[in-house]
Amino acid sequence: MQKFPIVLDLETQHTFREFSEPEKLKVSLVGIYNYADRRSQAFREDELARLFPLLENASYVIGYNITSFDMPVLRPYYAGDIASFALFDILDDIKRITGRRIGLNDVARATFDEKKSGHGLMAIDYFKEGKWEELEKYCLDDVTLTKKVFEVGLKNGVIYGLDETGKYPIRVDWKHYMEDNGSTNMPLTLPF
């Protein structure tokens, strides 16, 4: 049976200059791509109640730096245990393989010659200026880049990084994130 993960990226209302803890940064917008219905969606802070059932039913939540950033930012909004979500953090896997952190922009440029449409501080400005259309486009562009990195790694077993010497391969094994292994990832918390 095929698995149906969700690719997630979020933008915040505040920077780490204002708050050192991710939980205090507050969500401005969350963008997702849902493999179950093959569509992208964006959720503003006051719409997060519609997002969480989708995450609860996803086989995995996939993102770039979601373990250290996105999920801690979402934690205050979720009534349950956010640690119960099955996660796949592409950056964590790259760091495990290479021993270093590599930005999404560098991986996307090296892997398929595309780059981010902006940077996180722009997204905070968009929020403060009420430019929701620009904010949504920026966030969903990052979701698309993350999805493409995941799919290239899934298909080819290799993505690429960039350093001062140029482009280098990063061998990955991500097939199990889309293929059934006979078990369930759903956290069973009710007593039956």
N, C-alpha and C. Protein backbone atom coordinates (compact mmCIF):
# COMPACT_ATOMS: atom_id res chain seq x y z
N MET A 1 0.84 -1.19 0.00
CA MET A 1 0.00 0.00 0.00
C MET A 1 0.88 1.25 0.00
N GLN A 2 0.53 2.22 -0.83
CA GLN A 2 1.31 3.45 -0.92
C GLN A 2 1.06 4.33 0.30
N LYS A 3 2.07 5.06 0.69
CA LYS A 3 1.94 6.02 1.77
C LYS A 3 1.63 7.40 1.20
N PHE A 4 1.00 8.23 2.01
CA PHE A 4 0.61 9.57 1.56
C PHE A 4 1.12 10.61 2.56
N PRO A 5 2.37 11.03 2.41
CA PRO A 5 2.91 12.07 3.29
C PRO A 5 2.42 13.46 2.92
N ILE A 6 2.73 14.39 3.79
CA ILE A 6 2.48 15.81 3.56
C ILE A 6 3.82 16.53 3.65
N VAL A 7 4.12 17.38 2.68
CA VAL A 7 5.31 18.24 2.72
C VAL A 7 4.87 19.56 3.34
N LEU A 8 5.61 20.04 4.32
CA LEU A 8 5.20 21.22 5.09
C LEU A 8 6.32 22.23 5.19
N ASP A 9 5.94 23.50 5.13
CA ASP A 9 6.85 24.60 5.43
C ASP A 9 6.01 25.68 6.10
N LEU A 10 6.60 26.41 7.01
CA LEU A 10 5.83 27.49 7.63
C LEU A 10 6.64 28.76 7.73
N GLU A 11 5.91 29.85 7.84
CA GLU A 11 6.51 31.18 8.04
C GLU A 11 6.02 31.71 9.38
N THR A 12 6.83 32.59 9.97
CA THR A 12 6.52 33.09 11.31
C THR A 12 6.24 34.60 11.30
N GLN A 13 5.69 35.04 12.42
CA GLN A 13 5.40 36.46 12.60
C GLN A 13 6.59 37.22 13.18
N HIS A 14 7.49 36.50 13.83
CA HIS A 14 8.63 37.12 14.50
C HIS A 14 9.93 36.43 14.09
N THR A 15 11.05 37.07 14.41
CA THR A 15 12.37 36.51 14.11
C THR A 15 13.03 36.01 15.39
N PHE A 16 14.14 35.28 15.22
CA PHE A 16 14.91 34.85 16.38
C PHE A 16 15.61 36.02 17.06
N ARG A 17 15.66 37.16 16.42
CA ARG A 17 16.19 38.36 17.09
C ARG A 17 15.22 38.83 18.18
N GLU A 18 13.93 38.56 17.95
CA GLU A 18 12.91 38.96 18.92
C GLU A 18 12.70 37.91 20.01
N PHE A 19 12.74 36.64 19.64
CA PHE A 19 12.54 35.54 20.58
C PHE A 19 13.52 34.43 20.25
N SER A 20 14.16 33.87 21.26
CA SER A 20 15.13 32.80 21.00
C SER A 20 14.47 31.42 20.92
N GLU A 21 13.26 31.28 21.45
CA GLU A 21 12.57 29.99 21.43
C GLU A 21 11.61 29.94 20.24
N PRO A 22 11.67 28.88 19.42
CA PRO A 22 10.77 28.77 18.27
C PRO A 22 9.28 28.83 18.65
N GLU A 23 8.94 28.32 19.83
CA GLU A 23 7.54 28.30 20.28
C GLU A 23 6.94 29.69 20.41
N LYS A 24 7.78 30.72 20.51
CA LYS A 24 7.28 32.09 20.68
C LYS A 24 7.22 32.88 19.37
N LEU A 25 7.67 32.29 18.27
CA LEU A 25 7.75 33.02 17.00
C LEU A 25 6.39 33.24 16.34
N LYS A 26 5.40 32.45 16.67
CA LYS A 26 4.03 32.52 16.15
C LYS A 26 3.96 32.31 14.64
N VAL A 27 3.02 31.50 14.24
CA VAL A 27 2.81 31.17 12.83
C VAL A 27 2.14 32.34 12.11
N SER A 28 2.63 32.68 10.94
CA SER A 28 1.88 33.58 10.05
C SER A 28 1.14 32.74 9.01
N LEU A 29 1.86 31.74 8.45
CA LEU A 29 1.27 30.92 7.39
C LEU A 29 1.97 29.55 7.36
N VAL A 30 1.19 28.51 7.12
CA VAL A 30 1.72 27.16 6.89
C VAL A 30 1.32 26.75 5.49
N GLY A 31 2.30 26.28 4.71
CA GLY A 31 2.03 25.75 3.38
C GLY A 31 2.26 24.25 3.37
N ILE A 32 1.42 23.53 2.65
CA ILE A 32 1.60 22.08 2.54
C ILE A 32 1.38 21.62 1.10
N TYR A 33 1.95 20.47 0.81
CA TYR A 33 1.56 19.69 -0.36
C TYR A 33 1.14 18.33 0.19
N ASN A 34 -0.09 17.92 -0.13
CA ASN A 34 -0.65 16.68 0.39
C ASN A 34 -0.64 15.63 -0.73
N TYR A 35 0.13 14.57 -0.56
CA TYR A 35 0.19 13.51 -1.56
C TYR A 35 -1.13 12.75 -1.68
N ALA A 36 -1.97 12.81 -0.65
CA ALA A 36 -3.26 12.10 -0.69
C ALA A 36 -4.18 12.68 -1.76
N ASP A 37 -4.26 14.00 -1.84
CA ASP A 37 -5.14 14.62 -2.85
C ASP A 37 -4.36 15.39 -3.92
N ARG A 38 -3.04 15.33 -3.83
CA ARG A 38 -2.14 15.95 -4.81
C ARG A 38 -2.41 17.45 -5.00
N ARG A 39 -2.56 18.13 -3.87
CA ARG A 39 -2.75 19.58 -3.98
C ARG A 39 -2.02 20.32 -2.87
N SER A 40 -1.74 21.57 -3.18
CA SER A 40 -1.09 22.47 -2.22
C SER A 40 -2.15 23.33 -1.56
N GLN A 41 -1.92 23.66 -0.31
CA GLN A 41 -2.82 24.53 0.44
C GLN A 41 -2.01 25.40 1.37
N ALA A 42 -2.58 26.53 1.74
CA ALA A 42 -1.96 27.40 2.73
C ALA A 42 -2.97 27.68 3.84
N PHE A 43 -2.47 27.78 5.06
CA PHE A 43 -3.30 27.99 6.25
C PHE A 43 -2.73 29.15 7.05
N ARG A 44 -3.56 30.15 7.29
CA ARG A 44 -3.15 31.26 8.16
C ARG A 44 -3.25 30.80 9.61
N GLU A 45 -2.72 31.60 10.51
CA GLU A 45 -2.71 31.25 11.93
C GLU A 45 -4.10 30.88 12.44
N ASP A 46 -5.12 31.63 12.04
CA ASP A 46 -6.47 31.35 12.54
C ASP A 46 -7.15 30.18 11.83
N GLU A 47 -6.45 29.52 10.90
CA GLU A 47 -7.00 28.38 10.17
C GLU A 47 -6.30 27.06 10.52
N LEU A 48 -5.42 27.08 11.52
CA LEU A 48 -4.62 25.90 11.83
C LEU A 48 -5.47 24.72 12.30
N ALA A 49 -6.64 24.96 12.84
CA ALA A 49 -7.52 23.85 13.25
C ALA A 49 -7.88 22.97 12.05
N ARG A 50 -7.88 23.52 10.84
CA ARG A 50 -8.15 22.74 9.63
C ARG A 50 -6.91 21.98 9.17
N LEU A 51 -5.73 22.44 9.55
CA LEU A 51 -4.48 21.79 9.16
C LEU A 51 -4.22 20.51 9.96
N PHE A 52 -4.44 20.55 11.26
CA PHE A 52 -4.01 19.45 12.12
C PHE A 52 -4.65 18.10 11.78
N PRO A 53 -5.93 18.01 11.41
CA PRO A 53 -6.46 16.70 11.00
C PRO A 53 -5.74 16.13 9.78
N LEU A 54 -5.30 16.99 8.87
CA LEU A 54 -4.54 16.53 7.71
C LEU A 54 -3.19 15.93 8.15
N LEU A 55 -2.52 16.62 9.07
CA LEU A 55 -1.24 16.13 9.58
C LEU A 55 -1.42 14.83 10.35
N GLU A 56 -2.50 14.73 11.12
CA GLU A 56 -2.78 13.52 11.91
C GLU A 56 -3.00 12.30 11.01
N ASN A 57 -3.51 12.52 9.82
CA ASN A 57 -3.81 11.42 8.91
C ASN A 57 -2.72 11.16 7.87
N ALA A 58 -1.67 11.96 7.87
CA ALA A 58 -0.57 11.77 6.92
C ALA A 58 0.33 10.63 7.38
N SER A 59 0.90 9.88 6.43
CA SER A 59 1.84 8.83 6.82
C SER A 59 3.11 9.43 7.42
N TYR A 60 3.54 10.56 6.86
CA TYR A 60 4.69 11.31 7.37
C TYR A 60 4.45 12.79 7.13
N VAL A 61 5.08 13.61 7.95
CA VAL A 61 5.18 15.04 7.66
C VAL A 61 6.63 15.26 7.25
N ILE A 62 6.81 15.70 6.02
CA ILE A 62 8.14 15.88 5.44
C ILE A 62 8.45 17.37 5.36
N GLY A 63 9.66 17.73 5.70
CA GLY A 63 10.06 19.13 5.58
C GLY A 63 11.56 19.28 5.63
N TYR A 64 11.98 20.51 5.57
CA TYR A 64 13.40 20.84 5.60
C TYR A 64 13.64 21.65 6.86
N ASN A 65 14.25 21.03 7.86
CA ASN A 65 14.49 21.62 9.18
C ASN A 65 13.21 21.66 10.01
N ILE A 66 12.30 20.73 9.79
CA ILE A 66 11.04 20.74 10.55
C ILE A 66 11.20 20.27 11.99
N THR A 67 12.18 19.41 12.26
CA THR A 67 12.36 18.91 13.62
C THR A 67 12.77 20.04 14.56
N SER A 68 13.69 20.88 14.12
CA SER A 68 14.21 21.96 14.98
C SER A 68 13.43 23.26 14.87
N PHE A 69 12.67 23.44 13.77
CA PHE A 69 12.01 24.73 13.57
C PHE A 69 10.50 24.62 13.44
N ASP A 70 10.01 24.05 12.34
CA ASP A 70 8.57 24.10 12.05
C ASP A 70 7.70 23.46 13.14
N MET A 71 8.06 22.25 13.57
CA MET A 71 7.22 21.57 14.56
C MET A 71 7.25 22.29 15.92
N PRO A 72 8.42 22.76 16.41
CA PRO A 72 8.38 23.54 17.65
C PRO A 72 7.54 24.82 17.53
N VAL A 73 7.55 25.47 16.35
CA VAL A 73 6.71 26.67 16.17
C VAL A 73 5.24 26.29 16.24
N LEU A 74 4.88 25.12 15.69
CA LEU A 74 3.48 24.67 15.70
C LEU A 74 3.01 24.16 17.07
N ARG A 75 3.94 23.72 17.91
CA ARG A 75 3.60 23.08 19.20
C ARG A 75 2.55 23.84 20.01
N PRO A 76 2.65 25.16 20.20
CA PRO A 76 1.66 25.84 21.04
C PRO A 76 0.23 25.83 20.47
N TYR A 77 0.09 25.54 19.19
CA TYR A 77 -1.22 25.56 18.54
C TYR A 77 -1.93 24.20 18.58
N TYR A 78 -1.19 23.15 18.91
CA TYR A 78 -1.73 21.80 18.82
C TYR A 78 -2.08 21.27 20.21
N ALA A 79 -3.32 20.82 20.38
CA ALA A 79 -3.78 20.35 21.69
C ALA A 79 -3.16 19.02 22.09
N GLY A 80 -2.78 18.20 21.11
CA GLY A 80 -2.18 16.90 21.41
C GLY A 80 -0.67 16.99 21.53
N ASP A 81 -0.04 15.83 21.42
CA ASP A 81 1.43 15.75 21.50
C ASP A 81 2.00 15.83 20.10
N ILE A 82 2.56 16.96 19.76
CA ILE A 82 3.09 17.17 18.41
C ILE A 82 4.24 16.20 18.11
N ALA A 83 4.87 15.67 19.15
CA ALA A 83 5.95 14.70 18.97
C ALA A 83 5.43 13.36 18.45
N SER A 84 4.11 13.16 18.46
CA SER A 84 3.55 11.89 17.98
C SER A 84 3.48 11.81 16.45
N PHE A 85 3.67 12.94 15.75
CA PHE A 85 3.65 12.92 14.29
C PHE A 85 4.90 12.19 13.77
N ALA A 86 4.71 11.35 12.77
CA ALA A 86 5.84 10.71 12.10
C ALA A 86 6.47 11.76 11.18
N LEU A 87 7.73 12.07 11.42
CA LEU A 87 8.42 13.13 10.67
C LEU A 87 9.54 12.57 9.82
N PHE A 88 9.78 13.23 8.70
CA PHE A 88 11.01 13.02 7.95
C PHE A 88 11.58 14.40 7.65
N ASP A 89 12.70 14.70 8.29
CA ASP A 89 13.38 15.97 8.12
C ASP A 89 14.55 15.77 7.16
N ILE A 90 14.42 16.32 5.96
CA ILE A 90 15.45 16.16 4.93
C ILE A 90 16.79 16.72 5.41
N LEU A 91 16.77 17.87 6.08
CA LEU A 91 18.01 18.45 6.57
C LEU A 91 18.68 17.54 7.59
N ASP A 92 17.91 16.95 8.50
CA ASP A 92 18.50 16.02 9.47
C ASP A 92 19.17 14.85 8.77
N ASP A 93 18.54 14.34 7.71
CA ASP A 93 19.12 13.21 6.99
C ASP A 93 20.41 13.63 6.26
N ILE A 94 20.40 14.81 5.65
CA ILE A 94 21.61 15.32 5.00
C ILE A 94 22.73 15.48 6.02
N LYS A 95 22.40 16.01 7.18
CA LYS A 95 23.42 16.21 8.22
C LYS A 95 23.95 14.87 8.71
N ARG A 96 23.07 13.87 8.85
CA ARG A 96 23.50 12.53 9.26
C ARG A 96 24.47 11.94 8.23
N ILE A 97 24.20 12.16 6.95
CA ILE A 97 25.02 11.58 5.88
C ILE A 97 26.32 12.35 5.69
N THR A 98 26.25 13.68 5.66
CA THR A 98 27.43 14.49 5.31
C THR A 98 28.16 15.07 6.51
N GLY A 99 27.50 15.11 7.66
CA GLY A 99 28.11 15.71 8.84
C GLY A 99 27.97 17.22 8.89
N ARG A 100 27.19 17.80 7.96
CA ARG A 100 27.02 19.26 7.97
C ARG A 100 25.61 19.65 7.56
N ARG A 101 25.25 20.85 7.95
CA ARG A 101 23.96 21.43 7.57
C ARG A 101 24.12 22.14 6.24
N ILE A 102 23.20 21.89 5.33
CA ILE A 102 23.23 22.51 4.01
C ILE A 102 21.86 23.14 3.78
N GLY A 103 21.83 24.40 3.41
CA GLY A 103 20.56 25.10 3.21
C GLY A 103 19.76 24.54 2.04
N LEU A 104 18.45 24.67 2.13
CA LEU A 104 17.56 24.24 1.06
C LEU A 104 17.94 24.89 -0.27
N ASN A 105 18.28 26.16 -0.24
CA ASN A 105 18.64 26.86 -1.47
C ASN A 105 19.83 26.20 -2.16
N ASP A 106 20.86 25.84 -1.38
CA ASP A 106 22.05 25.20 -1.96
C ASP A 106 21.74 23.82 -2.52
N VAL A 107 20.92 23.06 -1.82
CA VAL A 107 20.55 21.72 -2.30
C VAL A 107 19.72 21.83 -3.58
N ALA A 108 18.77 22.74 -3.61
CA ALA A 108 17.93 22.91 -4.81
C ALA A 108 18.76 23.38 -6.00
N ARG A 109 19.66 24.34 -5.77
CA ARG A 109 20.52 24.82 -6.87
C ARG A 109 21.40 23.72 -7.41
N ALA A 110 22.00 22.93 -6.51
CA ALA A 110 22.92 21.88 -6.94
C ALA A 110 22.17 20.70 -7.56
N THR A 111 20.98 20.41 -7.09
CA THR A 111 20.26 19.22 -7.53
C THR A 111 19.49 19.43 -8.83
N PHE A 112 18.81 20.59 -8.95
CA PHE A 112 18.03 20.81 -10.18
C PHE A 112 18.05 22.25 -10.65
N ASP A 113 19.08 22.99 -10.25
CA ASP A 113 19.31 24.35 -10.75
C ASP A 113 18.13 25.29 -10.56
N GLU A 114 17.51 25.22 -9.39
CA GLU A 114 16.47 26.18 -9.01
C GLU A 114 16.86 26.76 -7.67
N LYS A 115 16.27 27.90 -7.34
CA LYS A 115 16.57 28.50 -6.05
C LYS A 115 15.31 29.04 -5.40
N LYS A 116 15.44 29.35 -4.11
CA LYS A 116 14.32 29.91 -3.36
C LYS A 116 13.91 31.25 -3.98
N SER A 117 12.63 31.58 -3.82
CA SER A 117 12.12 32.83 -4.38
C SER A 117 12.36 34.02 -3.45
N GLY A 118 12.96 33.78 -2.31
CA GLY A 118 13.24 34.86 -1.37
C GLY A 118 13.88 34.30 -0.11
N HIS A 119 13.76 35.03 1.00
CA HIS A 119 14.29 34.56 2.28
C HIS A 119 13.28 34.82 3.38
N GLY A 120 13.49 34.16 4.51
CA GLY A 120 12.53 34.19 5.61
C GLY A 120 12.20 35.57 6.13
N LEU A 121 13.15 36.49 6.12
CA LEU A 121 12.87 37.85 6.61
C LEU A 121 11.89 38.57 5.70
N MET A 122 11.93 38.27 4.40
CA MET A 122 10.94 38.82 3.47
C MET A 122 9.54 38.37 3.87
N ALA A 123 9.43 37.10 4.25
CA ALA A 123 8.13 36.55 4.63
C ALA A 123 7.57 37.26 5.85
N ILE A 124 8.43 37.61 6.79
CA ILE A 124 7.96 38.35 7.97
C ILE A 124 7.50 39.75 7.57
N ASP A 125 8.22 40.38 6.65
CA ASP A 125 7.78 41.69 6.14
C ASP A 125 6.44 41.57 5.43
N TYR A 126 6.27 40.54 4.60
CA TYR A 126 4.98 40.34 3.93
C TYR A 126 3.85 40.23 4.95
N PHE A 127 4.09 39.48 6.01
CA PHE A 127 3.06 39.34 7.06
C PHE A 127 2.74 40.69 7.69
N LYS A 128 3.78 41.42 8.10
CA LYS A 128 3.57 42.70 8.77
C LYS A 128 2.88 43.72 7.88
N GLU A 129 3.11 43.61 6.57
CA GLU A 129 2.51 44.54 5.61
C GLU A 129 1.16 44.04 5.09
N GLY A 130 0.72 42.87 5.57
CA GLY A 130 -0.56 42.32 5.13
C GLY A 130 -0.56 41.86 3.68
N LYS A 131 0.61 41.52 3.15
CA LYS A 131 0.73 41.06 1.76
C LYS A 131 0.58 39.54 1.72
N TRP A 132 -0.66 39.09 1.90
CA TRP A 132 -0.94 37.65 2.03
C TRP A 132 -0.66 36.89 0.74
N GLU A 133 -0.93 37.47 -0.38
CA GLU A 133 -0.70 36.78 -1.65
C GLU A 133 0.79 36.50 -1.85
N GLU A 134 1.64 37.49 -1.56
CA GLU A 134 3.08 37.33 -1.69
C GLU A 134 3.60 36.31 -0.66
N LEU A 135 3.07 36.38 0.56
CA LEU A 135 3.48 35.46 1.61
C LEU A 135 3.12 34.02 1.23
N GLU A 136 1.91 33.81 0.73
CA GLU A 136 1.49 32.47 0.32
C GLU A 136 2.35 31.95 -0.82
N LYS A 137 2.64 32.80 -1.80
CA LYS A 137 3.48 32.37 -2.92
C LYS A 137 4.87 31.97 -2.43
N TYR A 138 5.47 32.78 -1.58
CA TYR A 138 6.80 32.48 -1.05
C TYR A 138 6.80 31.15 -0.29
N CYS A 139 5.83 30.97 0.59
CA CYS A 139 5.77 29.76 1.41
C CYS A 139 5.54 28.52 0.54
N LEU A 140 4.59 28.60 -0.38
CA LEU A 140 4.32 27.45 -1.24
C LEU A 140 5.46 27.18 -2.23
N ASP A 141 6.23 28.21 -2.60
CA ASP A 141 7.43 27.99 -3.40
C ASP A 141 8.43 27.13 -2.63
N ASP A 142 8.59 27.39 -1.32
CA ASP A 142 9.49 26.58 -0.50
C ASP A 142 8.96 25.15 -0.36
N VAL A 143 7.64 25.00 -0.24
CA VAL A 143 7.05 23.66 -0.19
C VAL A 143 7.38 22.91 -1.48
N THR A 144 7.23 23.59 -2.61
CA THR A 144 7.51 22.97 -3.91
C THR A 144 8.98 22.57 -4.03
N LEU A 145 9.90 23.43 -3.60
CA LEU A 145 11.33 23.09 -3.64
C LEU A 145 11.62 21.88 -2.76
N THR A 146 11.06 21.86 -1.56
CA THR A 146 11.27 20.74 -0.64
C THR A 146 10.72 19.45 -1.25
N LYS A 147 9.54 19.53 -1.85
CA LYS A 147 8.91 18.37 -2.50
C LYS A 147 9.80 17.87 -3.65
N LYS A 148 10.35 18.79 -4.43
CA LYS A 148 11.19 18.39 -5.56
C LYS A 148 12.48 17.72 -5.08
N VAL A 149 13.09 18.26 -4.02
CA VAL A 149 14.29 17.63 -3.46
C VAL A 149 13.94 16.21 -3.01
N PHE A 150 12.82 16.07 -2.29
CA PHE A 150 12.38 14.76 -1.82
C PHE A 150 12.17 13.80 -3.00
N GLU A 151 11.48 14.25 -4.02
CA GLU A 151 11.15 13.37 -5.15
C GLU A 151 12.38 12.99 -5.97
N VAL A 152 13.34 13.91 -6.13
CA VAL A 152 14.58 13.57 -6.84
C VAL A 152 15.35 12.52 -6.04
N GLY A 153 15.45 12.71 -4.72
CA GLY A 153 16.12 11.73 -3.87
C GLY A 153 15.42 10.39 -3.88
N LEU A 154 14.10 10.43 -3.86
CA LEU A 154 13.28 9.22 -3.89
C LEU A 154 13.53 8.44 -5.18
N LYS A 155 13.51 9.14 -6.30
CA LYS A 155 13.63 8.51 -7.62
C LYS A 155 15.06 8.07 -7.94
N ASN A 156 16.02 8.94 -7.66
CA ASN A 156 17.40 8.71 -8.10
C ASN A 156 18.34 8.18 -7.02
N GLY A 157 17.92 8.29 -5.75
CA GLY A 157 18.81 7.86 -4.67
C GLY A 157 19.98 8.78 -4.44
N VAL A 158 19.92 9.97 -5.05
CA VAL A 158 20.99 10.95 -4.87
C VAL A 158 20.43 12.36 -5.05
N ILE A 159 20.89 13.25 -4.19
CA ILE A 159 20.68 14.69 -4.35
C ILE A 159 22.07 15.30 -4.31
N TYR A 160 22.17 16.61 -4.42
CA TYR A 160 23.49 17.24 -4.47
C TYR A 160 23.58 18.40 -3.50
N GLY A 161 24.77 18.60 -3.00
CA GLY A 161 25.09 19.75 -2.17
C GLY A 161 26.09 20.64 -2.87
N LEU A 162 26.28 21.82 -2.31
CA LEU A 162 27.27 22.78 -2.83
C LEU A 162 28.22 23.16 -1.71
N ASP A 163 29.48 23.23 -2.02
CA ASP A 163 30.45 23.81 -1.10
C ASP A 163 31.46 24.64 -1.89
N GLU A 164 32.54 25.04 -1.26
CA GLU A 164 33.51 25.91 -1.93
C GLU A 164 34.18 25.25 -3.13
N THR A 165 34.15 23.92 -3.20
CA THR A 165 34.76 23.22 -4.33
C THR A 165 33.75 22.92 -5.44
N GLY A 166 32.48 23.16 -5.18
CA GLY A 166 31.44 22.92 -6.20
C GLY A 166 30.39 21.93 -5.74
N LYS A 167 29.82 21.27 -6.70
CA LYS A 167 28.70 20.35 -6.49
C LYS A 167 29.20 18.96 -6.11
N TYR A 168 28.54 18.31 -5.14
CA TYR A 168 28.93 16.96 -4.75
C TYR A 168 27.68 16.13 -4.45
N PRO A 169 27.75 14.81 -4.69
CA PRO A 169 26.57 13.96 -4.49
C PRO A 169 26.34 13.61 -3.03
N ILE A 170 25.07 13.46 -2.68
CA ILE A 170 24.66 12.98 -1.36
C ILE A 170 23.74 11.79 -1.62
N ARG A 171 24.22 10.59 -1.33
CA ARG A 171 23.43 9.37 -1.56
C ARG A 171 22.37 9.22 -0.48
N VAL A 172 21.13 9.02 -0.89
CA VAL A 172 20.01 8.92 0.05
C VAL A 172 19.18 7.67 -0.25
N ASP A 173 18.45 7.21 0.75
CA ASP A 173 17.55 6.07 0.60
C ASP A 173 16.22 6.44 1.24
N TRP A 174 15.31 7.00 0.43
CA TRP A 174 14.05 7.53 0.95
C TRP A 174 12.82 6.75 0.50
N LYS A 175 13.01 5.63 -0.19
CA LYS A 175 11.86 4.91 -0.75
C LYS A 175 10.85 4.48 0.30
N HIS A 176 11.32 4.13 1.49
CA HIS A 176 10.39 3.65 2.52
C HIS A 176 9.41 4.73 2.99
N TYR A 177 9.67 5.99 2.66
CA TYR A 177 8.72 7.04 3.04
C TYR A 177 7.49 7.06 2.14
N MET A 178 7.54 6.32 1.04
CA MET A 178 6.39 6.26 0.12
C MET A 178 5.84 4.84 -0.04
N GLU A 179 6.54 3.83 0.49
CA GLU A 179 6.11 2.45 0.31
C GLU A 179 5.73 1.85 1.65
N ASP A 180 4.70 1.02 1.64
CA ASP A 180 4.22 0.36 2.85
C ASP A 180 5.20 -0.71 3.29
N ASN A 181 5.47 -0.76 4.58
CA ASN A 181 6.32 -1.81 5.11
C ASN A 181 5.52 -2.75 6.01
N GLY A 182 4.19 -2.66 5.93
CA GLY A 182 3.34 -3.56 6.70
C GLY A 182 2.98 -3.06 8.08
N SER A 183 3.53 -1.90 8.47
CA SER A 183 3.19 -1.36 9.78
C SER A 183 2.50 -0.02 9.61
N THR A 184 1.98 0.49 10.68
CA THR A 184 1.30 1.78 10.63
C THR A 184 2.11 2.81 11.39
N ASN A 185 2.05 4.04 10.95
CA ASN A 185 2.73 5.13 11.66
C ASN A 185 1.77 5.87 12.57
N MET A 186 0.50 5.53 12.51
CA MET A 186 -0.51 6.25 13.27
C MET A 186 -0.31 5.99 14.76
N PRO A 187 -0.13 7.05 15.56
CA PRO A 187 0.01 6.83 17.00
C PRO A 187 -1.33 6.41 17.60
N LEU A 188 -1.32 5.27 18.24
CA LEU A 188 -2.57 4.77 18.84
C LEU A 188 -2.55 5.14 20.32
N THR A 189 -3.38 6.11 20.67
CA THR A 189 -3.36 6.61 22.05
C THR A 189 -4.59 6.21 22.84
N LEU A 190 -5.63 5.68 22.17
CA LEU A 190 -6.84 5.27 22.88
C LEU A 190 -6.69 3.83 23.38
N PRO A 191 -7.32 3.50 24.52
CA PRO A 191 -7.09 2.19 25.16
C PRO A 191 -7.90 1.05 24.55
N PHE A 192 -7.70 0.73 23.27
CA PHE A 192 -8.34 -0.46 22.71
C PHE A 192 -7.50 -1.10 21.65
